[in-house]
Amino acid sequence: MRAHLGDQLVIEGPATGAPRRDGEIVGLHHEDGTPPYDVRWSDTQAVTLVFPGPDAHIKHLGHQPETETETGAGAGAGAPPPAGAPDPGDLGRRVATERTRRGLSREETARRARMAPDYLAYLEEHPADPSPATLLRLAAALGTSVQALRGSGVGLPPGRGTALLHPELRDLAPQECRALLSTHGVGRIAVTTPEGPAVVPVNYEVLDDTIAFRTAPDSVPAAAVGSEIAFEVDHVDDAMSRGWSVLAVGPARVVTEPDQVRRLTERAHTAPWAGDGREMWVSIRPTRLTGRRITPAEQ
């Protein structure tokens, strides 16, 4: 039987053919022609080393159908998907993004979630359907929720979680604000237009002490040029009922120096999400940089 990480191993009763036990494969061994499996059983959640026998079969989850052999797993068992296989699913992308955002390695995340690092790598790199128990442990390890990993709130505004019973607002030092701004992201600028005040999201880059974004000359963000504007970035963690916000205030100007334009363009992490035709760089050099973080009072 060819198997992959994340597949389900079902052991049938030899006499009746009724399911006797099933579990999720969390490890593969390739030292001989019939590798054993590390299996997390659905009834105990314990990880056990199992040698596939005649009463066991594989249920492939999230894989293209494969031809099974009549004897044990062959030399190709557990091999990576062939070229042209589907990209990682949404779940894998969210797991990898959340892990990276929290600065956790795969090894540390796997240790917290009580799973093999290779299995976590599989979840991040392949379409998969892990068990609810696995998702619960992974969400706990990442400090988020199963719903967030599954993307159930993608179309909803942040901040729908329950507020902390005893929240504490803590002012952030300028160096903390710069660290949270990081090197790039999506923020909002507040500008005054002929139609009135407007708040617009923009992809931004941080270069030295300057915040910069690309826009079109006739767009709403372009109205910021020549005036003092407010630029804000925030993050809300619904699962943990906490968050932070950073506010930068300063004059906005068009970047015209060729060397500066080239540096910004070469170092840009992404094209503007709003689409093409936005090649005018606008920079904000903050004269005021402040921020706040919401945490439980005991911290």
C-alpha atoms as a PDB file:
ATOM      1  CA  MET A   1       0.000   0.000   0.000  1.00  0.00           C
ATOM      2  CA  ARG A   2       1.414   3.387  -0.953  1.00  0.00           C
ATOM      3  CA  ALA A   3       0.945   5.923   1.811  1.00  0.00           C
ATOM      4  CA  HIS A   4       1.547   9.613   2.458  1.00  0.00           C
ATOM      5  CA  LEU A   5       1.637  11.646   5.623  1.00  0.00           C
ATOM      6  CA  GLY A   6      -1.903  12.579   6.556  1.00  0.00           C
ATOM      7  CA  ASP A   7      -3.504   9.474   5.034  1.00  0.00           C
ATOM      8  CA  GLN A   8      -5.791   7.346   7.149  1.00  0.00           C
ATOM      9  CA  LEU A   9      -4.733   3.828   8.148  1.00  0.00           C
ATOM     10  CA  VAL A  10      -7.664   1.476   8.733  1.00  0.00           C
ATOM     11  CA  ILE A  11      -7.163  -1.973  10.257  1.00  0.00           C
ATOM     12  CA  GLU A  12     -10.058  -4.340   9.587  1.00  0.00           C
ATOM     13  CA  GLY A  13     -11.107  -7.219  11.765  1.00  0.00           C
ATOM     14  CA  PRO A  14      -9.815 -10.339   9.987  1.00  0.00           C
ATOM     15  CA  ALA A  15     -12.939 -12.356  10.720  1.00  0.00           C
ATOM     16  CA  THR A  16     -15.816  -9.934  10.186  1.00  0.00           C
ATOM     17  CA  GLY A  17     -14.229  -7.316   7.947  1.00  0.00           C
ATOM     18  CA  ALA A  18     -15.668  -4.607  10.201  1.00  0.00           C
ATOM     19  CA  PRO A  19     -13.433  -1.612  10.993  1.00  0.00           C
ATOM     20  CA  ARG A  20     -11.443  -2.357  14.092  1.00  0.00           C
ATOM     21  CA  ARG A  21      -9.289   0.723  14.320  1.00  0.00           C
ATOM     22  CA  ASP A  22      -8.357   3.771  12.290  1.00  0.00           C
ATOM     23  CA  GLY A  23      -5.820   6.532  12.695  1.00  0.00           C
ATOM     24  CA  GLU A  24      -3.928   9.310  10.974  1.00  0.00           C
ATOM     25  CA  ILE A  25      -0.455   8.575   9.571  1.00  0.00           C
ATOM     26  CA  VAL A  26       1.964  11.102  11.075  1.00  0.00           C
ATOM     27  CA  GLY A  27       5.279   9.471  10.154  1.00  0.00           C
ATOM     28  CA  LEU A  28       6.746   7.208   7.453  1.00  0.00           C
ATOM     29  CA  HIS A  29       9.887   5.037   7.464  1.00  0.00           C
ATOM     30  CA  HIS A  30      11.797   4.144   4.326  1.00  0.00           C
ATOM     31  CA  GLU A  31      14.633   1.905   5.456  1.00  0.00           C
ATOM     32  CA  ASP A  32      13.255  -1.236   3.805  1.00  0.00           C
ATOM     33  CA  GLY A  33      10.703  -2.249   1.235  1.00  0.00           C
ATOM     34  CA  THR A  34       7.844  -2.453   3.745  1.00  0.00           C
ATOM     35  CA  PRO A  35       8.088   0.682   5.902  1.00  0.00           C
ATOM     36  CA  PRO A  36       6.215   0.950   9.179  1.00  0.00           C
ATOM     37  CA  TYR A  37       3.942   3.904   9.931  1.00  0.00           C
ATOM     38  CA  ASP A  38       3.723   6.212  12.917  1.00  0.00           C
ATOM     39  CA  VAL A  39      -0.021   6.439  13.526  1.00  0.00           C
ATOM     40  CA  ARG A  40      -2.050   8.674  15.825  1.00  0.00           C
ATOM     41  CA  TRP A  41      -5.118   6.600  16.662  1.00  0.00           C
ATOM     42  CA  SER A  42      -8.525   8.254  16.708  1.00  0.00           C
ATOM     43  CA  ASP A  43      -9.611   6.434  19.863  1.00  0.00           C
ATOM     44  CA  THR A  44      -6.590   7.202  22.045  1.00  0.00           C
ATOM     45  CA  GLN A  45      -4.666   9.978  20.216  1.00  0.00           C
ATOM     46  CA  ALA A  46      -1.523   7.969  21.002  1.00  0.00           C
ATOM     47  CA  VAL A  47       1.235   7.673  18.416  1.00  0.00           C
ATOM     48  CA  THR A  48       2.136   4.039  17.737  1.00  0.00           C
ATOM     49  CA  LEU A  49       4.535   2.397  15.336  1.00  0.00           C
ATOM     50  CA  VAL A  50       2.538   0.042  13.079  1.00  0.00           C
ATOM     51  CA  PHE A  51       3.757  -2.511  10.539  1.00  0.00           C
ATOM     52  CA  PRO A  52       1.114  -2.741   7.788  1.00  0.00           C
ATOM     53  CA  GLY A  53      -0.352  -6.219   7.551  1.00  0.00           C
ATOM     54  CA  PRO A  54      -2.980  -7.938   5.429  1.00  0.00           C
ATOM     55  CA  ASP A  55      -5.790  -6.460   7.559  1.00  0.00           C
ATOM     56  CA  ALA A  56      -4.725  -2.828   6.971  1.00  0.00           C
ATOM     57  CA  HIS A  57      -5.531  -0.501   4.115  1.00  0.00           C
ATOM     58  CA  ILE A  58      -4.956   3.159   3.315  1.00  0.00           C
ATOM     59  CA  LYS A  59      -7.571   5.822   2.751  1.00  0.00           C
ATOM     60  CA  HIS A  60      -5.962   8.538   0.676  1.00  0.00           C
ATOM     61  CA  LEU A  61      -6.974  12.039   1.790  1.00  0.00           C
ATOM     62  CA  GLY A  62      -6.111  14.979  -0.427  1.00  0.00           C
ATOM     63  CA  HIS A  63      -4.026  12.929  -2.908  1.00  0.00           C
ATOM     64  CA  GLN A  64      -4.463  11.776  -6.458  1.00  0.00           C
ATOM     65  CA  PRO A  65      -5.498   8.096  -6.577  1.00  0.00           C
ATOM     66  CA  GLU A  66      -2.542   5.737  -6.711  1.00  0.00           C
ATOM     67  CA  THR A  67      -2.140   2.121  -7.725  1.00  0.00           C
ATOM     68  CA  GLU A  68      -1.742  -0.090  -4.667  1.00  0.00           C
ATOM     69  CA  THR A  69       0.416  -3.181  -4.551  1.00  0.00           C
ATOM     70  CA  GLU A  70      -0.797  -6.448  -3.106  1.00  0.00           C
ATOM     71  CA  THR A  71       2.029  -6.635  -0.580  1.00  0.00           C
ATOM     72  CA  GLY A  72       3.454  -3.950   1.681  1.00  0.00           C
ATOM     73  CA  ALA A  73       4.417  -0.404   0.706  1.00  0.00           C
ATOM     74  CA  GLY A  74       6.951  -0.258  -2.092  1.00  0.00           C
ATOM     75  CA  ALA A  75      10.116   1.780  -2.405  1.00  0.00           C
ATOM     76  CA  GLY A  76       8.157   4.785  -3.634  1.00  0.00           C
ATOM     77  CA  ALA A  77       5.943   5.011  -0.548  1.00  0.00           C
ATOM     78  CA  GLY A  78       5.866   8.435   1.010  1.00  0.00           C
ATOM     79  CA  ALA A  79       7.598  10.039  -1.983  1.00  0.00           C
ATOM     80  CA  PRO A  80       6.749  13.685  -2.623  1.00  0.00           C
ATOM     81  CA  PRO A  81       3.975  14.408  -5.123  1.00  0.00           C
ATOM     82  CA  PRO A  82       5.120  14.485  -8.747  1.00  0.00           C
ATOM     83  CA  ALA A  83       5.804  17.703 -10.619  1.00  0.00           C
ATOM     84  CA  GLY A  84       2.629  19.570 -11.389  1.00  0.00           C
ATOM     85  CA  ALA A  85       0.885  18.468  -8.178  1.00  0.00           C
ATOM     86  CA  PRO A  86      -1.633  20.934  -6.674  1.00  0.00           C
ATOM     87  CA  ASP A  87      -0.341  23.888  -4.695  1.00  0.00           C
ATOM     88  CA  PRO A  88      -0.669  23.825  -0.890  1.00  0.00           C
ATOM     89  CA  GLY A  89      -4.251  24.229   0.201  1.00  0.00           C
ATOM     90  CA  ASP A  90      -5.622  27.237   2.054  1.00  0.00           C
ATOM     91  CA  LEU A  91      -5.149  25.470   5.388  1.00  0.00           C
ATOM     92  CA  GLY A  92      -1.438  24.925   4.727  1.00  0.00           C
ATOM     93  CA  ARG A  93      -0.930  28.524   3.681  1.00  0.00           C
ATOM     94  CA  ARG A  94      -2.639  29.817   6.824  1.00  0.00           C
ATOM     95  CA  VAL A  95      -0.624  27.515   9.069  1.00  0.00           C
ATOM     96  CA  ALA A  96       2.657  28.593   7.449  1.00  0.00           C
ATOM     97  CA  THR A  97       1.701  32.275   7.526  1.00  0.00           C
ATOM     98  CA  GLU A  98       0.650  32.177  11.185  1.00  0.00           C
ATOM     99  CA  ARG A  99       3.775  30.262  12.184  1.00  0.00           C
ATOM    100  CA  THR A 100       6.024  32.734  10.366  1.00  0.00           C
ATOM    101  CA  ARG A 101       4.159  35.724  11.787  1.00  0.00           C
ATOM    102  CA  ARG A 102       4.761  34.428  15.310  1.00  0.00           C
ATOM    103  CA  GLY A 103       8.441  33.766  14.596  1.00  0.00           C
ATOM    104  CA  LEU A 104       8.206  30.025  15.230  1.00  0.00           C
ATOM    105  CA  SER A 105      10.280  27.373  13.492  1.00  0.00           C
ATOM    106  CA  ARG A 106       8.662  24.210  12.214  1.00  0.00           C
ATOM    107  CA  GLU A 107      10.480  22.223  14.867  1.00  0.00           C
ATOM    108  CA  GLU A 108       9.204  24.398  17.717  1.00  0.00           C
ATOM    109  CA  THR A 109       5.660  24.473  16.332  1.00  0.00           C
ATOM    110  CA  ALA A 110       5.664  20.700  15.887  1.00  0.00           C
ATOM    111  CA  ARG A 111       6.928  20.238  19.449  1.00  0.00           C
ATOM    112  CA  ARG A 112       4.129  22.431  20.816  1.00  0.00           C
ATOM    113  CA  ALA A 113       1.539  20.612  18.725  1.00  0.00           C
ATOM    114  CA  ARG A 114       2.965  17.187  19.620  1.00  0.00           C
ATOM    115  CA  MET A 115       3.534  16.133  16.031  1.00  0.00           C
ATOM    116  CA  ALA A 116       6.511  15.234  13.857  1.00  0.00           C
ATOM    117  CA  PRO A 117       8.161  18.189  12.056  1.00  0.00           C
ATOM    118  CA  ASP A 118       7.885  16.236   8.793  1.00  0.00           C
ATOM    119  CA  TYR A 119       4.131  15.979   9.298  1.00  0.00           C
ATOM    120  CA  LEU A 120       3.868  19.730   9.881  1.00  0.00           C
ATOM    121  CA  ALA A 121       5.893  20.278   6.702  1.00  0.00           C
ATOM    122  CA  TYR A 122       3.429  18.039   4.879  1.00  0.00           C
ATOM    123  CA  LEU A 123       0.455  20.022   6.180  1.00  0.00           C
ATOM    124  CA  GLU A 124       2.046  23.295   5.057  1.00  0.00           C
ATOM    125  CA  GLU A 125       3.069  22.068   1.618  1.00  0.00           C
ATOM    126  CA  HIS A 126       0.222  19.812   0.464  1.00  0.00           C
ATOM    127  CA  PRO A 127      -3.577  19.912   0.357  1.00  0.00           C
ATOM    128  CA  ALA A 128      -4.619  18.020   3.481  1.00  0.00           C
ATOM    129  CA  ASP A 129      -7.567  17.225   5.717  1.00  0.00           C
ATOM    130  CA  PRO A 130      -6.134  16.599   9.200  1.00  0.00           C
ATOM    131  CA  SER A 131      -8.294  15.297  12.005  1.00  0.00           C
ATOM    132  CA  PRO A 132     -10.133  17.735  14.314  1.00  0.00           C
ATOM    133  CA  ALA A 133      -7.822  16.731  17.184  1.00  0.00           C
ATOM    134  CA  THR A 134      -4.753  17.563  15.092  1.00  0.00           C
ATOM    135  CA  LEU A 135      -6.213  20.953  14.172  1.00  0.00           C
ATOM    136  CA  LEU A 136      -6.980  21.698  17.821  1.00  0.00           C
ATOM    137  CA  ARG A 137      -3.405  20.995  18.884  1.00  0.00           C
ATOM    138  CA  LEU A 138      -2.010  23.005  15.970  1.00  0.00           C
ATOM    139  CA  ALA A 139      -4.270  25.974  16.694  1.00  0.00           C
ATOM    140  CA  ALA A 140      -3.239  25.899  20.361  1.00  0.00           C
ATOM    141  CA  ALA A 141       0.439  25.766  19.395  1.00  0.00           C
ATOM    142  CA  LEU A 142      -0.007  28.828  17.166  1.00  0.00           C
ATOM    143  CA  GLY A 143      -2.164  30.738  19.639  1.00  0.00           C
ATOM    144  CA  THR A 144      -5.151  30.889  17.291  1.00  0.00           C
ATOM    145  CA  SER A 145      -8.364  28.965  16.609  1.00  0.00           C
ATOM    146  CA  VAL A 146      -9.358  26.093  14.355  1.00  0.00           C
ATOM    147  CA  GLN A 147     -11.870  28.420  12.690  1.00  0.00           C
ATOM    148  CA  ALA A 148      -9.117  30.902  11.877  1.00  0.00           C
ATOM    149  CA  LEU A 149      -6.887  28.176  10.387  1.00  0.00           C
ATOM    150  CA  ARG A 150      -9.793  26.974   8.265  1.00  0.00           C
ATOM    151  CA  GLY A 151     -10.452  30.559   7.124  1.00  0.00           C
ATOM    152  CA  SER A 152     -14.031  30.705   8.358  1.00  0.00           C
ATOM    153  CA  GLY A 153     -13.722  34.419   9.160  1.00  0.00           C
ATOM    154  CA  VAL A 154     -11.932  35.544   6.008  1.00  0.00           C
ATOM    155  CA  GLY A 155     -14.919  37.542   4.766  1.00  0.00           C
ATOM    156  CA  LEU A 156     -15.617  39.141   8.161  1.00  0.00           C
ATOM    157  CA  PRO A 157     -14.039  42.184   9.802  1.00  0.00           C
ATOM    158  CA  PRO A 158     -11.501  41.541  12.571  1.00  0.00           C
ATOM    159  CA  GLY A 159     -12.410  42.117  16.189  1.00  0.00           C
ATOM    160  CA  ARG A 160     -15.460  39.855  16.390  1.00  0.00           C
ATOM    161  CA  GLY A 161     -13.940  37.921  19.292  1.00  0.00           C
ATOM    162  CA  THR A 162     -14.856  38.502  22.934  1.00  0.00           C
ATOM    163  CA  ALA A 163     -13.056  41.359  24.693  1.00  0.00           C
ATOM    164  CA  LEU A 164     -10.714  40.547  27.571  1.00  0.00           C
ATOM    165  CA  LEU A 165     -12.275  40.664  31.020  1.00  0.00           C
ATOM    166  CA  HIS A 166      -9.488  42.918  32.322  1.00  0.00           C
ATOM    167  CA  PRO A 167      -7.697  44.481  29.335  1.00  0.00           C
ATOM    168  CA  GLU A 168      -4.702  46.727  29.671  1.00  0.00           C
ATOM    169  CA  LEU A 169      -3.662  49.381  27.157  1.00  0.00           C
ATOM    170  CA  ARG A 170       0.097  49.773  26.994  1.00  0.00           C
ATOM    171  CA  ASP A 171       1.845  52.576  25.119  1.00  0.00           C
ATOM    172  CA  LEU A 172       4.525  51.376  22.704  1.00  0.00           C
ATOM    173  CA  ALA A 173       7.969  52.907  22.473  1.00  0.00           C
ATOM    174  CA  PRO A 174       9.104  54.167  19.044  1.00  0.00           C
ATOM    175  CA  GLN A 175      11.419  51.194  18.578  1.00  0.00           C
ATOM    176  CA  GLU A 176       8.525  48.801  19.255  1.00  0.00           C
ATOM    177  CA  CYS A 177       6.409  50.679  16.708  1.00  0.00           C
ATOM    178  CA  ARG A 178       9.136  50.349  14.084  1.00  0.00           C
ATOM    179  CA  ALA A 179       9.448  46.633  14.808  1.00  0.00           C
ATOM    180  CA  LEU A 180       5.703  46.143  14.338  1.00  0.00           C
ATOM    181  CA  LEU A 181       5.730  48.121  11.094  1.00  0.00           C
ATOM    182  CA  SER A 182       8.367  45.617   9.965  1.00  0.00           C
ATOM    183  CA  THR A 183       9.651  45.929   6.402  1.00  0.00           C
ATOM    184  CA  HIS A 184       6.316  45.916   4.568  1.00  0.00           C
ATOM    185  CA  GLY A 185       2.619  45.190   4.870  1.00  0.00           C
ATOM    186  CA  VAL A 186      -0.797  46.755   4.338  1.00  0.00           C
ATOM    187  CA  GLY A 187      -1.756  49.920   6.192  1.00  0.00           C
ATOM    188  CA  ARG A 188      -4.259  52.750   5.889  1.00  0.00           C
ATOM    189  CA  ILE A 189      -3.778  56.418   5.102  1.00  0.00           C
ATOM    190  CA  ALA A 190      -6.211  59.161   6.091  1.00  0.00           C
ATOM    191  CA  VAL A 191      -6.452  61.995   3.562  1.00  0.00           C
ATOM    192  CA  THR A 192      -8.713  64.922   2.766  1.00  0.00           C
ATOM    193  CA  THR A 193     -10.212  64.901  -0.725  1.00  0.00           C
ATOM    194  CA  PRO A 194     -12.587  67.333  -2.504  1.00  0.00           C
ATOM    195  CA  GLU A 195     -15.400  64.941  -1.537  1.00  0.00           C
ATOM    196  CA  GLY A 196     -14.339  64.916   2.123  1.00  0.00           C
ATOM    197  CA  PRO A 197     -12.207  62.737   4.423  1.00  0.00           C
ATOM    198  CA  ALA A 198     -11.161  59.305   3.155  1.00  0.00           C
ATOM    199  CA  VAL A 199      -9.288  56.332   4.561  1.00  0.00           C
ATOM    200  CA  VAL A 200      -7.618  54.079   1.984  1.00  0.00           C
ATOM    201  CA  PRO A 201      -5.633  50.815   2.372  1.00  0.00           C
ATOM    202  CA  VAL A 202      -2.223  50.712   0.668  1.00  0.00           C
ATOM    203  CA  ASN A 203       0.659  48.261   0.354  1.00  0.00           C
ATOM    204  CA  TYR A 204       3.621  49.891   2.035  1.00  0.00           C
ATOM    205  CA  GLU A 205       7.377  49.448   2.252  1.00  0.00           C
ATOM    206  CA  VAL A 206       9.700  50.690   4.989  1.00  0.00           C
ATOM    207  CA  LEU A 207      13.053  51.998   3.799  1.00  0.00           C
ATOM    208  CA  ASP A 208      15.346  53.454   6.449  1.00  0.00           C
ATOM    209  CA  ASP A 209      13.054  55.789   8.449  1.00  0.00           C
ATOM    210  CA  THR A 210      10.590  56.327   5.604  1.00  0.00           C
ATOM    211  CA  ILE A 211       7.232  54.687   4.879  1.00  0.00           C
ATOM    212  CA  ALA A 212       6.471  54.508   1.161  1.00  0.00           C
ATOM    213  CA  PHE A 213       3.633  53.278  -1.018  1.00  0.00           C
ATOM    214  CA  ARG A 214       2.852  53.185  -4.734  1.00  0.00           C
ATOM    215  CA  THR A 215      -0.222  54.763  -6.264  1.00  0.00           C
ATOM    216  CA  ALA A 216      -1.508  56.447  -9.424  1.00  0.00           C
ATOM    217  CA  PRO A 217      -1.320  60.253  -9.877  1.00  0.00           C
ATOM    218  CA  ASP A 218      -5.115  60.626 -10.079  1.00  0.00           C
ATOM    219  CA  SER A 219      -5.981  58.249  -7.221  1.00  0.00           C
ATOM    220  CA  VAL A 220      -7.311  59.044  -3.753  1.00  0.00           C
ATOM    221  CA  PRO A 221      -3.992  58.193  -2.027  1.00  0.00           C
ATOM    222  CA  ALA A 222      -2.275  60.726  -4.307  1.00  0.00           C
ATOM    223  CA  ALA A 223      -4.296  63.451  -2.557  1.00  0.00           C
ATOM    224  CA  ALA A 224      -1.965  62.949   0.404  1.00  0.00           C
ATOM    225  CA  VAL A 225       0.942  64.580  -1.421  1.00  0.00           C
ATOM    226  CA  GLY A 226       1.897  67.977  -0.055  1.00  0.00           C
ATOM    227  CA  SER A 227       0.093  67.655   3.258  1.00  0.00           C
ATOM    228  CA  GLU A 228       0.516  66.086   6.669  1.00  0.00           C
ATOM    229  CA  ILE A 229      -1.277  62.774   6.822  1.00  0.00           C
ATOM    230  CA  ALA A 230      -1.907  59.929   9.217  1.00  0.00           C
ATOM    231  CA  PHE A 231      -0.794  56.381   8.390  1.00  0.00           C
ATOM    232  CA  GLU A 232      -2.020  53.481  10.546  1.00  0.00           C
ATOM    233  CA  VAL A 233      -1.224  49.774  10.806  1.00  0.00           C
ATOM    234  CA  ASP A 234      -2.862  47.354  13.232  1.00  0.00           C
ATOM    235  CA  HIS A 235      -3.420  43.722  14.020  1.00  0.00           C
ATOM    236  CA  VAL A 236      -6.263  42.054  15.930  1.00  0.00           C
ATOM    237  CA  ASP A 237      -5.930  38.502  17.260  1.00  0.00           C
ATOM    238  CA  ASP A 238      -9.538  37.395  17.703  1.00  0.00           C
ATOM    239  CA  ALA A 239      -8.568  34.047  19.199  1.00  0.00           C
ATOM    240  CA  MET A 240      -6.533  35.653  21.992  1.00  0.00           C
ATOM    241  CA  SER A 241      -8.629  38.845  22.304  1.00  0.00           C
ATOM    242  CA  ARG A 242      -5.646  41.115  21.991  1.00  0.00           C
ATOM    243  CA  GLY A 243      -4.023  43.351  19.409  1.00  0.00           C
ATOM    244  CA  TRP A 244      -1.934  46.411  18.644  1.00  0.00           C
ATOM    245  CA  SER A 245      -1.966  49.530  16.481  1.00  0.00           C
ATOM    246  CA  VAL A 246       0.747  51.900  15.262  1.00  0.00           C
ATOM    247  CA  LEU A 247       0.123  55.457  14.055  1.00  0.00           C
ATOM    248  CA  ALA A 248       2.614  57.461  12.000  1.00  0.00           C
ATOM    249  CA  VAL A 249       1.995  61.149  11.279  1.00  0.00           C
ATOM    250  CA  GLY A 250       4.099  63.183   8.887  1.00  0.00           C
ATOM    251  CA  PRO A 251       4.291  65.035   5.564  1.00  0.00           C
ATOM    252  CA  ALA A 252       3.775  63.092   2.337  1.00  0.00           C
ATOM    253  CA  ARG A 253       5.742  63.836  -0.814  1.00  0.00           C
ATOM    254  CA  VAL A 254       6.321  62.306  -4.225  1.00  0.00           C
ATOM    255  CA  VAL A 255       9.623  60.453  -4.547  1.00  0.00           C
ATOM    256  CA  THR A 256      11.361  61.887  -7.616  1.00  0.00           C
ATOM    257  CA  GLU A 257      15.054  61.087  -7.070  1.00  0.00           C
ATOM    258  CA  PRO A 258      15.952  58.292  -9.553  1.00  0.00           C
ATOM    259  CA  ASP A 259      18.190  56.446  -7.089  1.00  0.00           C
ATOM    260  CA  GLN A 260      15.491  56.481  -4.417  1.00  0.00           C
ATOM    261  CA  VAL A 261      12.827  55.324  -6.880  1.00  0.00           C
ATOM    262  CA  ARG A 262      15.086  52.495  -8.028  1.00  0.00           C
ATOM    263  CA  ARG A 263      15.829  51.389  -4.468  1.00  0.00           C
ATOM    264  CA  LEU A 264      12.141  51.329  -3.575  1.00  0.00           C
ATOM    265  CA  THR A 265      11.195  49.451  -6.731  1.00  0.00           C
ATOM    266  CA  GLU A 266      13.963  46.871  -6.335  1.00  0.00           C
ATOM    267  CA  ARG A 267      13.144  46.252  -2.674  1.00  0.00           C
ATOM    268  CA  ALA A 268       9.361  46.169  -3.046  1.00  0.00           C
ATOM    269  CA  HIS A 269       8.007  42.922  -1.623  1.00  0.00           C
ATOM    270  CA  THR A 270       4.883  42.908  -3.808  1.00  0.00           C
ATOM    271  CA  ALA A 271       3.072  44.843  -6.498  1.00  0.00           C
ATOM    272  CA  PRO A 272       0.153  46.977  -5.285  1.00  0.00           C
ATOM    273  CA  TRP A 273      -2.794  44.711  -4.556  1.00  0.00           C
ATOM    274  CA  ALA A 274      -5.107  47.191  -6.286  1.00  0.00           C
ATOM    275  CA  GLY A 275      -3.514  46.414  -9.645  1.00  0.00           C
ATOM    276  CA  ASP A 276      -1.237  47.872 -12.297  1.00  0.00           C
ATOM    277  CA  GLY A 277      -0.755  51.490 -13.263  1.00  0.00           C
ATOM    278  CA  ARG A 278       0.436  52.525  -9.809  1.00  0.00           C
ATOM    279  CA  GLU A 279       4.039  53.532 -10.341  1.00  0.00           C
ATOM    280  CA  MET A 280       4.169  56.815  -8.401  1.00  0.00           C
ATOM    281  CA  TRP A 281       5.999  56.400  -5.108  1.00  0.00           C
ATOM    282  CA  VAL A 282       4.799  58.514  -2.174  1.00  0.00           C
ATOM    283  CA  SER A 283       6.890  58.691   0.990  1.00  0.00           C
ATOM    284  CA  ILE A 284       5.984  59.613   4.551  1.00  0.00           C
ATOM    285  CA  ARG A 285       8.727  60.574   6.980  1.00  0.00           C
ATOM    286  CA  PRO A 286       7.031  60.340  10.392  1.00  0.00           C
ATOM    287  CA  THR A 287       7.353  63.307  12.732  1.00  0.00           C
ATOM    288  CA  ARG A 288       5.308  61.381  15.289  1.00  0.00           C
ATOM    289  CA  LEU A 289       5.268  57.609  15.771  1.00  0.00           C
ATOM    290  CA  THR A 290       3.042  56.173  18.486  1.00  0.00           C
ATOM    291  CA  GLY A 291       1.337  52.905  19.244  1.00  0.00           C
ATOM    292  CA  ARG A 292      -0.670  50.906  21.733  1.00  0.00           C
ATOM    293  CA  ARG A 293      -1.044  47.239  22.592  1.00  0.00           C
ATOM    294  CA  ILE A 294      -4.002  45.525  24.274  1.00  0.00           C
ATOM    295  CA  THR A 295      -2.972  42.736  26.634  1.00  0.00           C
ATOM    296  CA  PRO A 296      -4.454  40.989  29.686  1.00  0.00           C
ATOM    297  CA  ALA A 297      -3.949  43.115  32.791  1.00  0.00           C
ATOM    298  CA  GLU A 298      -1.892  40.425  34.543  1.00  0.00           C
ATOM    299  CA  GLN A 299       0.759  40.676  31.804  1.00  0.00           C
END
